[in-house]
Amino acid sequence: MLKKELRKLFREKRNALTAVEKTKLDDLLLIQFQTVDLPTLNTVFSYWPIEENKEPNTHLFTDFLEFRSPGLQLVYPKIDTTTGTMQAILVDDDTRFTRNHFNVYEPENGEVITPAEIDLVIVPLLVFDQQGYRVGYGKGYYDKFLAGCREDCIKAGLSYFEPVTTIDDCHDFDVPLDLCITPQAVYVF
């Protein structure tokens, strides 16, 4: 299927989840995530889940990683629509977040961290395929950002649903995931 078709189909599937189902799936995702043998992490890039899009609760994963690695640096995206790029902003307990025009919570300010300093990126997605390619929201911010990350930076996705066989319209600039976690399995690419 094409990205446009997959985007529509999987938005509908996520929107059909009840609050109880979503909470259960988040718990199952975290259990699977805790089985992943991650290297020592110093800096993790995450994102604030958009509740109305019923995105996985990324806070569960960052809380677990912070517990596992005291002193872990967390960074969150800040989008620049004029340049079509995204920056990684270092956050702490005092960081204030505000919604941008995409309805995404972003840090208001903070130190910019280069992509080369990041060890793990939790990448938003609607669906992924068996080769590790994903369908996001279609703006390309993450693929541009991931292209600047180190080769050993782990690109991880979280999905409530199992992968589709293939995304028919992947492009050369699409950056595949290294792993994707579902409630049932951890896929390594």
C-alpha atoms as a PDB file:
ATOM      1  CA  MET A   1       0.000   0.000   0.000  1.00  0.00           C
ATOM      2  CA  LEU A   2       0.974   3.622  -0.442  1.00  0.00           C
ATOM      3  CA  LYS A   3       1.871   5.897   2.483  1.00  0.00           C
ATOM      4  CA  LYS A   4      -1.257   8.002   2.003  1.00  0.00           C
ATOM      5  CA  GLU A   5      -3.514   4.936   2.216  1.00  0.00           C
ATOM      6  CA  LEU A   6      -1.618   3.484   5.183  1.00  0.00           C
ATOM      7  CA  ARG A   7      -1.685   6.827   6.999  1.00  0.00           C
ATOM      8  CA  LYS A   8      -5.492   6.992   6.692  1.00  0.00           C
ATOM      9  CA  LEU A   9      -6.045   3.338   7.615  1.00  0.00           C
ATOM     10  CA  PHE A  10      -3.814   3.348  10.699  1.00  0.00           C
ATOM     11  CA  ARG A  11      -5.109   6.691  11.959  1.00  0.00           C
ATOM     12  CA  GLU A  12      -8.569   5.122  11.873  1.00  0.00           C
ATOM     13  CA  LYS A  13      -7.326   2.001  13.671  1.00  0.00           C
ATOM     14  CA  ARG A  14      -5.700   4.060  16.415  1.00  0.00           C
ATOM     15  CA  ASN A  15      -8.731   6.320  16.772  1.00  0.00           C
ATOM     16  CA  ALA A  16     -10.913   3.237  17.274  1.00  0.00           C
ATOM     17  CA  LEU A  17      -8.967   2.240  20.415  1.00  0.00           C
ATOM     18  CA  THR A  18     -10.741   2.806  23.707  1.00  0.00           C
ATOM     19  CA  ALA A  19      -8.896   4.420  26.626  1.00  0.00           C
ATOM     20  CA  VAL A  20      -8.716   1.040  28.383  1.00  0.00           C
ATOM     21  CA  GLU A  21      -7.333  -0.690  25.274  1.00  0.00           C
ATOM     22  CA  LYS A  22      -4.742   2.047  24.780  1.00  0.00           C
ATOM     23  CA  THR A  23      -3.573   1.837  28.406  1.00  0.00           C
ATOM     24  CA  LYS A  24      -3.225  -1.938  28.119  1.00  0.00           C
ATOM     25  CA  LEU A  25      -1.280  -1.612  24.845  1.00  0.00           C
ATOM     26  CA  ASP A  26       1.029   1.010  26.409  1.00  0.00           C
ATOM     27  CA  ASP A  27       1.759  -1.395  29.273  1.00  0.00           C
ATOM     28  CA  LEU A  28       2.482  -4.237  26.840  1.00  0.00           C
ATOM     29  CA  LEU A  29       4.765  -1.980  24.786  1.00  0.00           C
ATOM     30  CA  LEU A  30       6.714  -1.085  27.925  1.00  0.00           C
ATOM     31  CA  ILE A  31       7.094  -4.757  28.870  1.00  0.00           C
ATOM     32  CA  GLN A  32       8.513  -5.489  25.395  1.00  0.00           C
ATOM     33  CA  PHE A  33      10.748  -2.399  25.548  1.00  0.00           C
ATOM     34  CA  GLN A  34      12.212  -3.577  28.848  1.00  0.00           C
ATOM     35  CA  THR A  35      13.429  -6.782  27.130  1.00  0.00           C
ATOM     36  CA  VAL A  36      15.607  -4.854  24.650  1.00  0.00           C
ATOM     37  CA  ASP A  37      19.321  -5.080  25.419  1.00  0.00           C
ATOM     38  CA  LEU A  38      20.274  -1.440  24.953  1.00  0.00           C
ATOM     39  CA  PRO A  39      23.840  -0.162  25.210  1.00  0.00           C
ATOM     40  CA  THR A  40      24.755   2.566  27.673  1.00  0.00           C
ATOM     41  CA  LEU A  41      22.728   5.627  26.758  1.00  0.00           C
ATOM     42  CA  ASN A  42      23.749   9.194  27.505  1.00  0.00           C
ATOM     43  CA  THR A  43      21.285  11.161  25.382  1.00  0.00           C
ATOM     44  CA  VAL A  44      17.796  10.070  24.297  1.00  0.00           C
ATOM     45  CA  PHE A  45      15.559  11.958  21.887  1.00  0.00           C
ATOM     46  CA  SER A  46      11.854  11.453  22.540  1.00  0.00           C
ATOM     47  CA  TYR A  47       8.638  13.285  21.766  1.00  0.00           C
ATOM     48  CA  TRP A  48       5.549  14.341  23.690  1.00  0.00           C
ATOM     49  CA  PRO A  49       2.646  12.098  22.607  1.00  0.00           C
ATOM     50  CA  ILE A  50      -0.336  13.824  21.029  1.00  0.00           C
ATOM     51  CA  GLU A  51      -3.271  12.564  23.076  1.00  0.00           C
ATOM     52  CA  GLU A  52      -5.915  13.233  20.444  1.00  0.00           C
ATOM     53  CA  ASN A  53      -3.888  11.131  17.961  1.00  0.00           C
ATOM     54  CA  LYS A  54      -3.757   8.312  20.536  1.00  0.00           C
ATOM     55  CA  GLU A  55       0.017   8.039  20.237  1.00  0.00           C
ATOM     56  CA  PRO A  56       1.867   5.622  22.532  1.00  0.00           C
ATOM     57  CA  ASN A  57       2.693   7.110  25.907  1.00  0.00           C
ATOM     58  CA  THR A  58       6.385   7.874  25.390  1.00  0.00           C
ATOM     59  CA  HIS A  59       6.677   9.168  28.962  1.00  0.00           C
ATOM     60  CA  LEU A  60       6.550   5.551  30.193  1.00  0.00           C
ATOM     61  CA  PHE A  61       9.663   4.760  28.171  1.00  0.00           C
ATOM     62  CA  THR A  62      11.637   7.852  29.084  1.00  0.00           C
ATOM     63  CA  ASP A  63      10.783   7.326  32.773  1.00  0.00           C
ATOM     64  CA  PHE A  64      12.069   3.752  32.520  1.00  0.00           C
ATOM     65  CA  LEU A  65      15.251   4.886  30.739  1.00  0.00           C
ATOM     66  CA  GLU A  66      15.880   7.610  33.336  1.00  0.00           C
ATOM     67  CA  PHE A  67      15.437   5.049  36.139  1.00  0.00           C
ATOM     68  CA  ARG A  68      17.832   2.662  34.343  1.00  0.00           C
ATOM     69  CA  SER A  69      20.416   5.374  33.599  1.00  0.00           C
ATOM     70  CA  PRO A  70      20.553   8.149  36.210  1.00  0.00           C
ATOM     71  CA  GLY A  71      21.963  11.295  34.620  1.00  0.00           C
ATOM     72  CA  LEU A  72      20.433  10.478  31.238  1.00  0.00           C
ATOM     73  CA  GLN A  73      19.938  13.549  29.070  1.00  0.00           C
ATOM     74  CA  LEU A  74      16.524  13.835  27.418  1.00  0.00           C
ATOM     75  CA  VAL A  75      15.966  15.942  24.333  1.00  0.00           C
ATOM     76  CA  TYR A  76      12.710  16.821  22.592  1.00  0.00           C
ATOM     77  CA  PRO A  77      12.017  18.184  19.119  1.00  0.00           C
ATOM     78  CA  LYS A  78      11.472  21.807  18.222  1.00  0.00           C
ATOM     79  CA  ILE A  79      10.309  22.409  14.662  1.00  0.00           C
ATOM     80  CA  ASP A  80      11.312  25.329  12.471  1.00  0.00           C
ATOM     81  CA  THR A  81       8.660  25.551   9.757  1.00  0.00           C
ATOM     82  CA  THR A  82      10.535  28.272   7.861  1.00  0.00           C
ATOM     83  CA  THR A  83      13.492  25.950   7.200  1.00  0.00           C
ATOM     84  CA  GLY A  84      11.600  22.639   7.343  1.00  0.00           C
ATOM     85  CA  THR A  85      14.006  21.364   9.989  1.00  0.00           C
ATOM     86  CA  MET A  86      13.879  20.127  13.549  1.00  0.00           C
ATOM     87  CA  GLN A  87      16.246  20.703  16.462  1.00  0.00           C
ATOM     88  CA  ALA A  88      16.844  18.579  19.548  1.00  0.00           C
ATOM     89  CA  ILE A  89      16.396  20.625  22.731  1.00  0.00           C
ATOM     90  CA  LEU A  90      17.793  19.426  26.069  1.00  0.00           C
ATOM     91  CA  VAL A  91      15.058  19.340  28.727  1.00  0.00           C
ATOM     92  CA  ASP A  92      14.909  18.955  32.500  1.00  0.00           C
ATOM     93  CA  ASP A  93      12.238  18.974  35.200  1.00  0.00           C
ATOM     94  CA  ASP A  94      11.874  22.763  34.895  1.00  0.00           C
ATOM     95  CA  THR A  95      11.412  22.880  31.106  1.00  0.00           C
ATOM     96  CA  ARG A  96       8.159  24.456  29.956  1.00  0.00           C
ATOM     97  CA  PHE A  97       6.441  22.972  26.928  1.00  0.00           C
ATOM     98  CA  THR A  98       3.984  24.754  24.626  1.00  0.00           C
ATOM     99  CA  ARG A  99       1.936  23.475  21.679  1.00  0.00           C
ATOM    100  CA  ASN A 100       3.060  24.429  18.196  1.00  0.00           C
ATOM    101  CA  HIS A 101       0.723  24.803  15.199  1.00  0.00           C
ATOM    102  CA  PHE A 102       0.913  21.015  14.562  1.00  0.00           C
ATOM    103  CA  ASN A 103      -0.507  20.508  18.090  1.00  0.00           C
ATOM    104  CA  VAL A 104       2.853  19.091  19.227  1.00  0.00           C
ATOM    105  CA  TYR A 105       4.271  20.037  22.615  1.00  0.00           C
ATOM    106  CA  GLU A 106       7.744  21.545  22.219  1.00  0.00           C
ATOM    107  CA  PRO A 107      10.233  22.872  24.766  1.00  0.00           C
ATOM    108  CA  GLU A 108      10.003  26.652  24.937  1.00  0.00           C
ATOM    109  CA  ASN A 109      13.771  26.966  25.203  1.00  0.00           C
ATOM    110  CA  GLY A 110      16.893  25.062  26.105  1.00  0.00           C
ATOM    111  CA  GLU A 111      20.281  23.990  24.857  1.00  0.00           C
ATOM    112  CA  VAL A 112      20.380  22.647  21.296  1.00  0.00           C
ATOM    113  CA  ILE A 113      21.951  19.182  21.086  1.00  0.00           C
ATOM    114  CA  THR A 114      23.406  18.059  17.766  1.00  0.00           C
ATOM    115  CA  PRO A 115      22.113  14.862  16.135  1.00  0.00           C
ATOM    116  CA  ALA A 116      25.633  13.404  16.471  1.00  0.00           C
ATOM    117  CA  GLU A 117      25.330  13.510  20.288  1.00  0.00           C
ATOM    118  CA  ILE A 118      22.194  11.355  20.425  1.00  0.00           C
ATOM    119  CA  ASP A 119      22.316   7.639  21.268  1.00  0.00           C
ATOM    120  CA  LEU A 120      18.633   6.717  20.838  1.00  0.00           C
ATOM    121  CA  VAL A 121      15.756   8.375  18.994  1.00  0.00           C
ATOM    122  CA  ILE A 122      12.179   7.331  19.727  1.00  0.00           C
ATOM    123  CA  VAL A 123      10.561   7.999  16.369  1.00  0.00           C
ATOM    124  CA  PRO A 124       6.810   8.641  15.993  1.00  0.00           C
ATOM    125  CA  LEU A 125       4.952   6.548  13.459  1.00  0.00           C
ATOM    126  CA  LEU A 126       1.537   5.379  12.387  1.00  0.00           C
ATOM    127  CA  VAL A 127       2.659   2.108  10.800  1.00  0.00           C
ATOM    128  CA  PHE A 128       5.888   0.351   9.824  1.00  0.00           C
ATOM    129  CA  ASP A 129       6.847  -2.420   7.430  1.00  0.00           C
ATOM    130  CA  GLN A 130       8.949  -5.567   7.679  1.00  0.00           C
ATOM    131  CA  GLN A 131      12.017  -3.723   6.359  1.00  0.00           C
ATOM    132  CA  GLY A 132      11.890  -1.072   9.114  1.00  0.00           C
ATOM    133  CA  TYR A 133      10.452   1.767   7.052  1.00  0.00           C
ATOM    134  CA  ARG A 134       7.699   3.804   8.649  1.00  0.00           C
ATOM    135  CA  VAL A 135       4.828   6.073   7.798  1.00  0.00           C
ATOM    136  CA  GLY A 136       4.708   9.187   9.928  1.00  0.00           C
ATOM    137  CA  TYR A 137       2.551  12.262   9.541  1.00  0.00           C
ATOM    138  CA  GLY A 138       4.048  13.184   6.176  1.00  0.00           C
ATOM    139  CA  LYS A 139       6.122  16.308   6.821  1.00  0.00           C
ATOM    140  CA  GLY A 140       9.569  14.653   6.636  1.00  0.00           C
ATOM    141  CA  TYR A 141      11.025  16.355   9.722  1.00  0.00           C
ATOM    142  CA  TYR A 142      12.224  13.119  11.297  1.00  0.00           C
ATOM    143  CA  ASP A 143      13.831  11.679   8.161  1.00  0.00           C
ATOM    144  CA  LYS A 144      15.809  14.910   7.681  1.00  0.00           C
ATOM    145  CA  PHE A 145      16.866  14.870  11.333  1.00  0.00           C
ATOM    146  CA  LEU A 146      17.748  11.149  11.414  1.00  0.00           C
ATOM    147  CA  ALA A 147      19.970  11.564   8.363  1.00  0.00           C
ATOM    148  CA  GLY A 148      22.298  13.653  10.577  1.00  0.00           C
ATOM    149  CA  CYS A 149      22.508  11.134  13.417  1.00  0.00           C
ATOM    150  CA  ARG A 150      25.486   8.848  13.956  1.00  0.00           C
ATOM    151  CA  GLU A 151      25.332   5.463  12.267  1.00  0.00           C
ATOM    152  CA  ASP A 152      25.239   3.728  15.674  1.00  0.00           C
ATOM    153  CA  CYS A 153      22.357   5.901  16.928  1.00  0.00           C
ATOM    154  CA  ILE A 154      19.415   3.584  17.578  1.00  0.00           C
ATOM    155  CA  LYS A 155      16.236   4.608  15.786  1.00  0.00           C
ATOM    156  CA  ALA A 156      13.311   2.976  17.590  1.00  0.00           C
ATOM    157  CA  GLY A 157       9.601   3.036  16.872  1.00  0.00           C
ATOM    158  CA  LEU A 158       6.592   2.165  19.004  1.00  0.00           C
ATOM    159  CA  SER A 159       3.528   0.694  17.333  1.00  0.00           C
ATOM    160  CA  TYR A 160       0.267  -0.661  18.665  1.00  0.00           C
ATOM    161  CA  PHE A 161       0.006  -2.749  15.490  1.00  0.00           C
ATOM    162  CA  GLU A 162       2.122  -5.383  13.781  1.00  0.00           C
ATOM    163  CA  PRO A 163       4.025  -4.413  10.601  1.00  0.00           C
ATOM    164  CA  VAL A 164       2.623  -4.412   7.101  1.00  0.00           C
ATOM    165  CA  THR A 165       4.620  -6.394   4.539  1.00  0.00           C
ATOM    166  CA  THR A 166       5.911  -3.391   2.640  1.00  0.00           C
ATOM    167  CA  ILE A 167       5.361   0.323   2.115  1.00  0.00           C
ATOM    168  CA  ASP A 168       5.189   0.680  -1.664  1.00  0.00           C
ATOM    169  CA  ASP A 169       6.345   4.274  -2.024  1.00  0.00           C
ATOM    170  CA  CYS A 170       9.484   4.530   0.117  1.00  0.00           C
ATOM    171  CA  HIS A 171      12.088   7.016  -1.103  1.00  0.00           C
ATOM    172  CA  ASP A 172      15.875   7.241  -0.952  1.00  0.00           C
ATOM    173  CA  PHE A 173      15.635   9.897   1.791  1.00  0.00           C
ATOM    174  CA  ASP A 174      13.464   7.692   4.064  1.00  0.00           C
ATOM    175  CA  VAL A 175      15.531   6.526   7.040  1.00  0.00           C
ATOM    176  CA  PRO A 176      14.588   3.051   8.304  1.00  0.00           C
ATOM    177  CA  LEU A 177      14.232   2.160  11.958  1.00  0.00           C
ATOM    178  CA  ASP A 178      16.716  -0.102  13.725  1.00  0.00           C
ATOM    179  CA  LEU A 179      13.978  -1.615  15.833  1.00  0.00           C
ATOM    180  CA  CYS A 180      10.259  -1.313  16.397  1.00  0.00           C
ATOM    181  CA  ILE A 181       8.364  -2.463  19.446  1.00  0.00           C
ATOM    182  CA  THR A 182       4.792  -3.727  19.355  1.00  0.00           C
ATOM    183  CA  PRO A 183       2.727  -5.177  22.197  1.00  0.00           C
ATOM    184  CA  GLN A 184       3.613  -8.669  20.935  1.00  0.00           C
ATOM    185  CA  ALA A 185       7.212  -8.427  19.709  1.00  0.00           C
ATOM    186  CA  VAL A 186      10.443  -6.505  19.181  1.00  0.00           C
ATOM    187  CA  TYR A 187      11.381  -6.233  15.507  1.00  0.00           C
ATOM    188  CA  VAL A 188      15.054  -5.682  14.736  1.00  0.00           C
ATOM    189  CA  PHE A 189      16.065  -4.513  11.261  1.00  0.00           C
END
